[in-house]
Protein backbone atom coordinates (compact mmCIF):
# COMPACT_ATOMS: atom_id res chain seq x y z
CA UNK A 1 0.05 0.01 0.02
CA UNK A 2 1.25 3.52 -0.83
CA UNK A 3 1.98 5.13 2.56
CA UNK A 4 2.07 8.66 1.12
CA UNK A 5 -1.42 8.20 -0.37
CA UNK A 6 -2.68 6.95 2.93
CA UNK A 7 -1.55 10.09 4.70
CA UNK A 8 -3.31 12.48 2.37
CA UNK A 9 -6.35 13.90 4.26
CA UNK A 10 -9.73 13.50 2.67
CA UNK A 11 -11.29 16.56 1.00
CA UNK A 12 -13.19 18.80 3.41
CA UNK A 13 -16.93 18.39 3.55
CA UNK A 14 -18.75 21.63 3.08
CA UNK A 15 -21.69 21.83 5.45
CA UNK A 16 -24.65 24.19 4.97
CA UNK A 17 -24.38 27.26 7.11
CA UNK A 18 -26.95 28.63 9.58
CA UNK A 19 -29.09 31.42 8.26
CA UNK A 20 -27.70 34.92 8.88
CA UNK A 21 -31.04 36.74 8.80
CA UNK A 22 -31.32 38.31 12.25
CA UNK A 23 -31.69 42.15 12.17
CA UNK A 24 -29.69 44.45 14.35
CA UNK A 25 -32.94 45.69 15.90
CA UNK A 26 -33.93 42.10 16.73
CA UNK A 27 -30.54 41.41 18.38
CA UNK A 28 -30.76 44.58 20.47
CA UNK A 29 -34.26 43.84 21.65
CA UNK A 30 -33.40 40.28 22.29
CA UNK A 31 -30.64 41.25 24.66
CA UNK A 32 -32.93 43.68 26.39
CA UNK A 33 -35.91 41.33 26.55
CA UNK A 34 -33.87 38.34 27.83
CA UNK A 35 -32.92 40.29 30.98
CA UNK A 36 -36.35 41.58 31.62
CA UNK A 37 -38.23 38.54 32.79
CA UNK A 38 -40.38 37.22 35.62
CA UNK A 39 -37.46 37.95 37.98
CA UNK A 40 -38.24 41.65 37.68
CA UNK A 41 -42.02 41.40 37.44
CA UNK A 42 -42.57 38.93 40.26
CA UNK A 43 -39.25 38.32 42.03
CA UNK A 44 -38.04 41.84 42.70
CA UNK A 45 -40.10 41.93 45.87
CA UNK A 46 -37.78 39.38 47.45
CA UNK A 47 -34.84 41.78 47.10
CA UNK A 48 -36.87 44.70 48.53
CA UNK A 49 -37.83 42.71 51.58
CA UNK A 50 -34.20 41.76 52.12
CA UNK A 51 -32.69 45.21 51.88
CA UNK A 52 -35.51 47.69 52.08
CA UNK A 53 -35.10 50.79 49.75
CA UNK A 54 -31.35 50.11 49.84
CA UNK A 55 -32.06 47.34 47.38
CA UNK A 56 -31.28 50.14 44.86
CA UNK A 57 -27.62 49.82 45.92
CA UNK A 58 -27.83 46.07 45.23
CA UNK A 59 -29.18 46.74 41.72
CA UNK A 60 -26.52 49.36 41.02
CA UNK A 61 -23.75 46.92 41.96
CA UNK A 62 -25.28 44.04 39.99
CA UNK A 63 -25.94 46.35 37.09
CA UNK A 64 -22.30 47.56 37.10
CA UNK A 65 -21.17 43.97 37.01
CA UNK A 66 -23.41 43.01 34.11
CA UNK A 67 -22.30 46.09 32.15
CA UNK A 68 -18.63 45.15 32.51
CA UNK A 69 -19.22 41.47 31.72
CA UNK A 70 -21.31 42.42 28.62
CA UNK A 71 -18.57 44.80 27.43
CA UNK A 72 -15.92 42.00 27.83
CA UNK A 73 -18.29 39.58 26.00
CA UNK A 74 -18.85 42.17 23.32
CA UNK A 75 -15.08 42.43 22.75
CA UNK A 76 -14.93 38.65 22.20
CA UNK A 77 -18.12 38.39 20.12
CA UNK A 78 -17.20 41.36 17.77
CA UNK A 79 -13.80 39.85 17.00
CA UNK A 80 -15.13 36.34 16.57
CA UNK A 81 -18.91 35.98 16.10
CA UNK A 82 -19.69 32.35 16.83
CA UNK A 83 -22.88 30.60 17.97
CA UNK A 84 -20.77 28.74 20.53
CA UNK A 85 -19.90 32.15 21.96
CA UNK A 86 -18.31 31.93 25.44
CA UNK A 87 -17.92 28.24 25.09
CA UNK A 88 -15.76 28.74 21.99
CA UNK A 89 -13.86 31.59 23.65
CA UNK A 90 -13.08 29.42 26.67
CA UNK A 91 -11.83 26.70 24.31
CA UNK A 92 -9.55 29.19 22.60
CA UNK A 93 -8.22 30.49 25.90
CA UNK A 94 -7.99 27.30 28.00
CA UNK A 95 -8.45 24.23 25.75
CA UNK A 96 -11.21 21.90 24.55
CA UNK A 97 -12.23 20.55 27.97
CA UNK A 98 -12.86 24.02 29.31
CA UNK A 99 -14.90 24.93 26.27
CA UNK A 100 -16.99 21.81 26.16
CA UNK A 101 -17.60 21.96 29.87
CA UNK A 102 -18.96 25.49 29.66
CA UNK A 103 -21.06 24.64 26.63
CA UNK A 104 -22.68 21.60 28.20
CA UNK A 105 -23.19 23.38 31.51
CA UNK A 106 -25.03 26.29 29.81
CA UNK A 107 -27.07 23.90 27.62
CA UNK A 108 -28.17 21.97 30.76
CA UNK A 109 -29.07 25.20 32.49
CA UNK A 110 -31.23 26.33 29.65
CA UNK A 111 -33.13 23.04 29.11
CA UNK A 112 -33.95 22.94 32.83
CA UNK A 113 -35.14 26.56 32.73
CA UNK A 114 -37.26 25.83 29.62
CA UNK A 115 -39.24 23.34 31.68
CA UNK A 116 -39.63 25.67 34.56
CA UNK A 117 -40.78 28.59 32.34
CA UNK A 118 -43.32 26.36 30.56
CA UNK A 119 -44.83 25.19 33.85
CA UNK A 120 -44.55 28.67 35.37
CA UNK A 121 -46.28 30.46 32.49
CA UNK A 122 -48.97 27.81 32.43
CA UNK A 123 -49.54 28.13 36.13
CA UNK A 124 -49.91 31.90 35.98
CA UNK A 125 -52.28 31.81 33.03
CA UNK A 126 -54.36 29.15 34.80
CA UNK A 127 -55.09 31.67 37.53
CA UNK A 128 -56.93 33.75 34.92
CA UNK A 129 -58.30 30.70 33.00
CA UNK A 130 -58.91 28.14 35.71
CA UNK A 131 -60.85 25.79 33.38
CA UNK A 132 -57.65 25.00 31.43
CA UNK A 133 -55.31 22.47 33.01
CA UNK A 134 -51.71 23.48 33.66
CA UNK A 135 -50.32 20.46 31.84
CA UNK A 136 -52.25 21.30 28.64
CA UNK A 137 -51.14 24.95 28.62
CA UNK A 138 -47.53 23.95 29.28
CA UNK A 139 -47.66 21.45 26.38
CA UNK A 140 -49.18 24.11 24.10
CA UNK A 141 -46.44 26.65 24.95
CA UNK A 142 -43.58 24.09 24.42
CA UNK A 143 -45.03 22.90 21.14
CA UNK A 144 -45.67 26.42 19.83
CA UNK A 145 -42.17 27.70 20.51
CA UNK A 146 -40.58 24.52 19.15
CA UNK A 147 -42.38 25.26 15.85
CA UNK A 148 -41.12 28.84 15.98
CA UNK A 149 -37.55 27.80 16.44
CA UNK A 150 -37.70 25.07 13.81
CA UNK A 151 -39.16 27.60 11.29
CA UNK A 152 -35.95 29.52 11.14
CA UNK A 153 -34.02 32.24 12.93
CA UNK A 154 -35.91 35.10 11.18
CA UNK A 155 -39.18 33.83 12.77
CA UNK A 156 -37.51 33.44 16.11
CA UNK A 157 -36.01 36.95 15.93
CA UNK A 158 -39.34 38.53 15.02
CA UNK A 159 -41.19 36.77 17.91
CA UNK A 160 -38.48 37.88 20.39
CA UNK A 161 -38.57 41.42 19.02
CA UNK A 162 -42.32 41.84 19.63
CA UNK A 163 -42.15 40.05 23.00
CA UNK A 164 -39.50 42.46 24.12
CA UNK A 165 -41.44 45.46 22.78
CA UNK A 166 -44.47 44.43 24.87
CA UNK A 167 -42.33 44.06 28.00
CA UNK A 168 -40.63 47.40 27.42
CA UNK A 169 -43.92 49.20 26.88
CA UNK A 170 -45.36 47.60 30.00
CA UNK A 171 -42.34 48.75 32.11
CA UNK A 172 -42.45 52.19 30.50
CA UNK A 173 -46.13 52.63 31.34
CA UNK A 174 -45.45 51.38 34.91
CA UNK A 175 -42.67 53.91 35.46
CA UNK A 176 -44.84 56.73 34.09
CA UNK A 177 -47.81 55.78 36.30
CA UNK A 178 -45.47 55.47 39.33
CA UNK A 179 -43.98 58.89 38.62
CA UNK A 180 -47.45 60.43 38.34
CA UNK A 181 -48.41 58.77 41.66
CA UNK A 182 -45.31 59.94 43.43
CA UNK A 183 -45.58 63.57 42.21
CA UNK A 184 -49.31 63.68 43.05
CA UNK A 185 -50.57 64.00 39.48
CA UNK A 186 -53.23 61.25 39.72
CA UNK A 187 -56.72 62.48 40.65
CA UNK A 188 -58.26 61.25 43.91
CA UNK A 189 -55.02 59.45 44.85
CA UNK A 190 -52.73 60.63 47.70
CA UNK A 191 -49.01 60.75 46.92
CA UNK A 192 -46.87 58.71 49.37
CA UNK A 193 -44.11 61.29 48.94
CA UNK A 194 -40.74 59.95 50.16
CA UNK A 195 -41.92 58.48 53.47
CA UNK A 196 -41.39 54.98 52.26
CA UNK A 197 -37.85 55.73 51.08
CA UNK A 198 -36.56 57.16 54.33
CA UNK A 199 -39.11 56.27 57.00
CA UNK A 200 -39.85 52.90 58.64
CA UNK A 201 -36.33 52.09 59.69
CA UNK A 202 -34.57 54.40 57.18
CA UNK A 203 -33.07 53.87 53.74
CA UNK A 204 -31.24 50.69 54.75
CA UNK A 205 -33.38 49.11 57.59
CA UNK A 206 -31.54 45.83 57.49
CA UNK A 207 -28.07 47.29 57.10
CA UNK A 208 -25.17 46.17 54.95
CA UNK A 209 -26.12 42.51 55.58
CA UNK A 210 -29.48 43.13 53.93
CA UNK A 211 -27.90 44.83 50.91
CA UNK A 212 -25.49 41.82 50.56
CA UNK A 213 -28.38 39.36 50.89
CA UNK A 214 -30.39 41.26 48.24
CA UNK A 215 -27.34 41.32 45.91
CA UNK A 216 -27.42 37.52 45.81
CA UNK A 217 -31.04 37.64 44.62
CA UNK A 218 -30.63 40.63 42.24
CA UNK A 219 -27.62 39.38 40.36
CA UNK A 220 -29.43 36.39 38.98
CA UNK A 221 -32.14 38.73 37.51
CA UNK A 222 -29.65 39.98 34.98
CA UNK A 223 -28.88 36.48 33.71
CA UNK A 224 -29.81 35.89 30.08
CA UNK A 225 -28.09 38.90 28.49
CA UNK A 226 -25.27 36.64 27.31
CA UNK A 227 -27.56 35.18 24.65
CA UNK A 228 -26.72 38.30 22.56
CA UNK A 229 -23.22 36.81 21.87
CA UNK A 230 -24.81 33.49 20.71
CA UNK A 231 -27.28 35.25 18.34
CA UNK A 232 -24.71 37.67 16.97
CA UNK A 233 -23.32 34.94 14.62
CA UNK A 234 -26.74 34.78 12.85
CA UNK A 235 -27.03 38.46 12.17
CA UNK A 236 -26.53 40.05 8.78
CA UNK A 237 -23.54 42.16 10.04
CA UNK A 238 -22.30 40.51 13.19
CA UNK A 239 -19.49 42.91 14.09
CA UNK A 240 -21.70 46.05 13.82
CA UNK A 241 -24.79 44.38 15.26
CA UNK A 242 -23.11 43.03 18.42
CA UNK A 243 -21.40 46.38 19.07
CA UNK A 244 -24.70 48.24 18.80
CA UNK A 245 -26.53 45.64 20.94
CA UNK A 246 -23.92 45.72 23.73
CA UNK A 247 -23.77 49.56 23.79
CA UNK A 248 -27.54 50.05 23.92
CA UNK A 249 -28.71 47.08 25.97
CA UNK A 250 -26.73 47.79 29.10
CA UNK A 251 -27.90 51.29 29.73
CA UNK A 252 -31.51 50.50 28.83
CA UNK A 253 -31.48 47.57 31.30
CA UNK A 254 -30.22 49.92 34.06
CA UNK A 255 -32.91 52.51 33.27
CA UNK A 256 -35.76 49.97 33.26
CA UNK A 257 -34.55 48.07 36.32
CA UNK A 258 -33.54 51.04 38.44
CA UNK A 259 -36.57 53.03 37.36
CA UNK A 260 -38.96 50.25 38.24
CA UNK A 261 -37.41 49.44 41.58
CA UNK A 262 -37.23 53.15 42.52
CA UNK A 263 -40.99 53.44 41.92
CA UNK A 264 -41.70 50.30 43.92
CA UNK A 265 -39.70 51.19 47.01
CA UNK A 266 -41.05 54.78 46.95
CA UNK A 267 -44.79 53.74 46.67
CA UNK A 268 -44.83 50.52 48.73
CA UNK A 269 -43.36 50.08 52.21
CA UNK A 270 -40.43 47.60 52.19
CA UNK A 271 -42.12 45.30 54.73
CA UNK A 272 -45.49 45.19 53.07
CA UNK A 273 -47.09 41.81 52.39
CA UNK A 274 -48.17 43.08 48.94
CA UNK A 275 -44.53 42.78 47.75
CA UNK A 276 -45.26 39.18 46.68
CA UNK A 277 -46.43 40.96 43.46
CA UNK A 278 -44.68 44.36 43.65
CA UNK A 279 -45.89 45.75 40.31
CA UNK A 280 -49.48 44.91 41.07
CA UNK A 281 -48.99 46.48 44.55
CA UNK A 282 -48.03 49.82 42.99
CA UNK A 283 -50.87 49.76 40.46
CA UNK A 284 -53.26 48.91 43.27
CA UNK A 285 -52.13 52.08 45.19
CA UNK A 286 -52.67 54.04 41.96
CA UNK A 287 -56.15 52.55 41.76
CA UNK A 288 -55.67 51.14 38.33
CA UNK A 289 -58.45 48.70 37.67
CA UNK A 290 -57.51 45.12 36.61
CA UNK A 291 -53.93 45.67 37.81
CA UNK A 292 -53.34 42.16 39.06
CA UNK A 293 -54.65 40.50 35.86
CA UNK A 294 -52.60 42.89 33.72
CA UNK A 295 -49.37 42.11 35.59
CA UNK A 296 -50.12 38.39 35.48
CA UNK A 297 -50.45 38.60 31.67
CA UNK A 298 -47.18 40.59 31.42
CA UNK A 299 -45.39 37.99 33.53
CA UNK A 300 -46.73 35.21 31.33
CA UNK A 301 -45.39 37.16 28.29
CA UNK A 302 -42.02 37.52 30.07
CA UNK A 303 -41.83 33.85 30.78
CA UNK A 304 -42.80 32.82 27.23
CA UNK A 305 -40.23 35.26 25.78
CA UNK A 306 -37.56 33.75 28.00
CA UNK A 307 -38.67 30.24 27.00
CA UNK A 308 -38.39 31.10 23.36
CA UNK A 309 -34.94 32.68 23.77
CA UNK A 310 -33.63 29.87 25.91
CA UNK A 311 -34.77 27.21 23.40
CA UNK A 312 -32.90 29.17 20.75
CA UNK A 313 -29.80 29.46 22.88
CA UNK A 314 -29.85 25.81 23.89
CA UNK A 315 -30.21 24.56 20.33
CA UNK A 316 -27.40 26.81 19.04
CA UNK A 317 -25.09 25.76 21.83
CA UNK A 318 -25.59 22.02 21.27
CA UNK A 319 -25.21 22.65 17.55
CA UNK A 320 -21.90 24.31 18.15
CA UNK A 321 -20.78 21.45 20.39
CA UNK A 322 -21.72 18.98 17.62
CA UNK A 323 -19.75 21.03 15.12
CA UNK A 324 -16.66 20.73 17.34
CA UNK A 325 -17.13 17.00 17.83
CA UNK A 326 -18.37 17.39 21.46
CA UNK A 327 -21.91 16.19 20.67
CA UNK A 328 -23.41 13.77 18.07
CA UNK A 329 -22.74 15.02 14.55
CA UNK A 330 -26.41 14.46 13.57
CA UNK A 331 -27.26 17.59 15.59
CA UNK A 332 -25.55 19.72 12.94
CA UNK A 333 -28.17 18.89 10.31
CA UNK A 334 -30.20 21.89 9.08
CA UNK A 335 -33.64 21.96 7.61
CA UNK A 336 -34.79 24.08 4.62
CA UNK A 337 -35.11 27.12 6.83
CA UNK A 338 -31.47 26.73 7.77
CA UNK A 339 -32.46 25.93 11.38
CA UNK A 340 -30.90 23.08 13.37
CA UNK A 341 -34.19 21.28 13.80
CA UNK A 342 -32.71 18.23 15.47
CA UNK A 343 -30.73 20.41 17.90
CA UNK A 344 -33.97 22.18 18.76
CA UNK A 345 -35.88 18.92 19.28
CA UNK A 346 -33.06 17.47 21.34
CA UNK A 347 -33.12 20.59 23.58
CA UNK A 348 -36.90 20.68 23.96
CA UNK A 349 -37.08 16.96 24.73
CA UNK A 350 -35.35 17.31 28.05
CA UNK A 351 -37.69 20.22 28.89
CA UNK A 352 -40.76 18.15 28.07
CA UNK A 353 -39.54 15.22 30.13
CA UNK A 354 -38.86 17.44 33.06
CA UNK A 355 -42.26 19.06 32.71
CA UNK A 356 -44.05 15.67 32.63
CA UNK A 357 -42.15 14.56 35.79
CA UNK A 358 -42.98 17.85 37.53
CA UNK A 359 -46.70 17.37 36.72
CA UNK A 360 -46.67 13.85 38.17
CA UNK A 361 -44.50 14.87 41.20
CA UNK A 362 -45.35 18.54 41.72
CA UNK A 363 -42.85 20.60 43.61
CA UNK A 364 -40.14 17.90 43.60
CA UNK A 365 -38.45 17.66 40.23
CA UNK A 366 -38.00 21.23 38.99
CA UNK A 367 -36.88 22.69 42.30
CA UNK A 368 -34.12 20.06 42.48
CA UNK A 369 -32.96 20.72 38.90
CA UNK A 370 -33.15 24.47 39.35
CA UNK A 371 -31.04 24.27 42.44
CA UNK A 372 -28.32 22.49 40.41
CA UNK A 373 -28.22 25.19 37.75
CA UNK A 374 -29.12 28.23 39.93
CA UNK A 375 -25.64 29.67 40.01
CA UNK A 376 -24.60 28.81 36.49
CA UNK A 377 -24.74 32.45 35.43
CA UNK A 378 -21.80 33.16 37.83
CA UNK A 379 -19.70 30.42 36.25
CA UNK A 380 -20.49 31.71 32.74
CA UNK A 381 -19.58 35.30 33.65
CA UNK A 382 -16.38 34.17 35.31
CA UNK A 383 -15.41 32.28 32.20
CA UNK A 384 -16.16 35.32 30.06
CA UNK A 385 -13.87 37.58 32.05
CA UNK A 386 -11.04 35.01 32.23
CA UNK A 387 -11.29 34.28 28.52
CA UNK A 388 -11.37 37.97 27.65
CA UNK A 389 -8.30 38.59 29.78
CA UNK A 390 -6.32 35.79 28.07
CA UNK A 391 -7.47 36.42 24.51
CA UNK A 392 -7.06 40.19 24.70
CA UNK A 393 -3.48 39.84 25.87
CA UNK A 394 -2.88 37.27 23.09
CA UNK A 395 -4.27 39.76 20.53
CA UNK A 396 -2.13 42.58 21.83
CA UNK A 397 0.97 40.43 21.61
CA UNK A 398 0.10 39.55 18.05
CA UNK A 399 -0.65 43.15 17.17
CA UNK A 400 -4.24 42.46 16.11
CA UNK A 401 -6.67 45.32 16.23
CA UNK A 402 -10.04 44.53 17.75
CA UNK A 403 -13.27 46.12 16.46
CA UNK A 404 -14.75 46.57 19.97
CA UNK A 405 -12.56 46.86 23.07
CA UNK A 406 -13.07 46.52 26.81
CA UNK A 407 -12.86 49.85 28.60
CA UNK A 408 -9.68 50.63 30.57
CA UNK A 409 -8.25 47.11 30.04
CA UNK A 410 -7.20 45.31 32.25
CA UNK A 411 -8.38 47.41 35.20
CA UNK A 412 -12.08 47.03 34.61
CA UNK A 413 -11.77 43.32 33.86
CA UNK A 414 -10.12 42.93 37.26
CA UNK A 415 -12.85 45.11 38.89
CA UNK A 416 -15.52 42.82 37.46
CA UNK A 417 -13.63 39.74 38.68
CA UNK A 418 -13.41 41.29 42.11
CA UNK A 419 -17.18 41.86 42.14
CA UNK A 420 -17.83 38.29 41.12
CA UNK A 421 -15.49 37.03 43.75
CA UNK A 422 -17.30 39.07 46.37
CA UNK A 423 -20.60 37.62 45.25
CA UNK A 424 -19.23 34.08 45.51
CA UNK A 425 -17.96 34.82 49.05
CA UNK A 426 -21.31 36.29 50.10
CA UNK A 427 -23.02 33.21 48.63
CA UNK A 428 -20.95 30.81 50.65
CA UNK A 429 -21.71 32.88 53.80
CA UNK A 430 -25.45 32.63 53.21
CA UNK A 431 -26.93 29.19 54.28
CA UNK A 432 -29.50 29.07 51.49
CA UNK A 433 -27.24 30.29 48.69
CA UNK A 434 -24.34 28.03 49.87
CA UNK A 435 -26.31 24.87 48.91
CA UNK A 436 -27.06 26.27 45.48
CA UNK A 437 -23.48 27.36 44.85
CA UNK A 438 -22.10 23.97 45.99
CA UNK A 439 -24.64 22.18 43.72
CA UNK A 440 -23.56 24.23 40.74
CA UNK A 441 -19.89 23.68 41.53
CA UNK A 442 -20.51 19.94 41.84
CA UNK A 443 -22.38 19.88 38.50
CA UNK A 444 -19.62 21.86 36.79
CA UNK A 445 -16.96 19.56 38.15
CA UNK A 446 -18.90 16.49 37.08
CA UNK A 447 -19.38 17.81 33.50
CA UNK A 448 -15.68 18.82 33.36
CA UNK A 449 -14.58 15.22 34.38
CA UNK A 450 -16.91 13.68 31.71
CA UNK A 451 -15.65 16.15 29.05
CA UNK A 452 -12.07 15.46 30.02
CA UNK A 453 -12.46 11.71 29.78
CA UNK A 454 -14.26 12.02 26.43
CA UNK A 455 -11.46 14.24 25.09
CA UNK A 456 -8.85 11.74 26.24
CA UNK A 457 -10.72 8.85 24.53
CA UNK A 458 -10.91 10.86 21.32
CA UNK A 459 -7.25 11.74 21.46
CA UNK A 460 -6.34 8.07 22.06
CA UNK A 461 -8.50 6.99 19.07
CA UNK A 462 -6.87 9.61 16.84
CA UNK A 463 -3.33 8.58 17.80
CA UNK A 464 -4.25 4.91 17.35
CA UNK A 465 -5.66 5.69 13.86
CA UNK A 466 -2.55 7.61 12.89
CA UNK A 467 -0.29 4.85 14.03
CA UNK A 468 -2.30 2.21 12.10
CA UNK A 469 -2.32 4.41 8.92
CA UNK A 470 1.51 4.92 9.10
CA UNK A 471 2.13 1.27 9.88
CA UNK A 472 0.14 0.07 6.91
């Protein structure tokens, strides 16, 4: 046998590419909408109860962190738009095992959250439509958004765009109503003034410990913004689109979050029982009829928007893993709409299975799974900062000019790392958060070991194949 002929590599197989049809406006609104979810509409009251009006400090700290992380991620995504995003960047910075670990960790987080969002949205809507069973509504939601994602990225982008518009309009209207209430512009409604901000124990009734406790709650509300870096690869002009999205999303998030929370803590006392639904509590004080039903519908929309975005993100991440040989190759197949249909179905299958189990064993399955992935966002953000630090220095050494740069590098990268380290420390000091952090660390370690062993097997098989080829 001719050895030289044996060593000639086979011709490269050209695979069909994903559709690059997302608009810059869709990417921008996707990043904004992904961070404005049920955590703001329903969960913000938990932070207010923990810190009082000083929860504003917690939001400012968490907001500063997310701005720095998104800028670092923007630098990476603008220089290398890739649907594997932070997983690919971690691979470039630290090797295949790090990249695949991060990819599988994020995928697992998303498919678990998809199940939780389907059940959560169904449960909320069932309070308004009690004749419809939760399991049926949940199945309808999952089926509908599977169809949207299989139909192509353009359809997904348009759905997300209008979902985000609805949420933004709802928050804008809420802030305007709250301002009118505070300034006494609403007829027959007495303004609360600033008594709730500085009375009843003062601005920080629970002290620094309360602010720190609220920070642990608040920081997770900003999770989801990283999906911009995944979607950037399917935009018409990735470099320009991701730069615009990063620049506009961060300040808009701060305006909407800080504006909403400022209205809530000014209108409603921090120790009020009504904070279980803070937006409805404000609208109730303003005497807006149908407030509770309206906020419930907005929360349903927020959950469905997040479900849609997370299904998209999960399918693209597992597609990227398959492209890199870290998942079955069959998941790279595209349909006529240039969507990875099998990757979408594989991602939604886990969500459907978890949903079915949750319906048979209510309150047992999803809480356990969510506890495992609850702190995943901290792991992802840490990887973003570490990857940006390594890859930026590599680019500087090679003299490569980057289209979008991190501010004041490396100072602000280190500032963001310090904030993340402080959050980890606070989490380990809090008994409830400690369990969640340890669960996420254990999950990450387990995935890393599995990915490392898989990589070793692949490397061994490759070396064995090369030895056989040369020997023949």
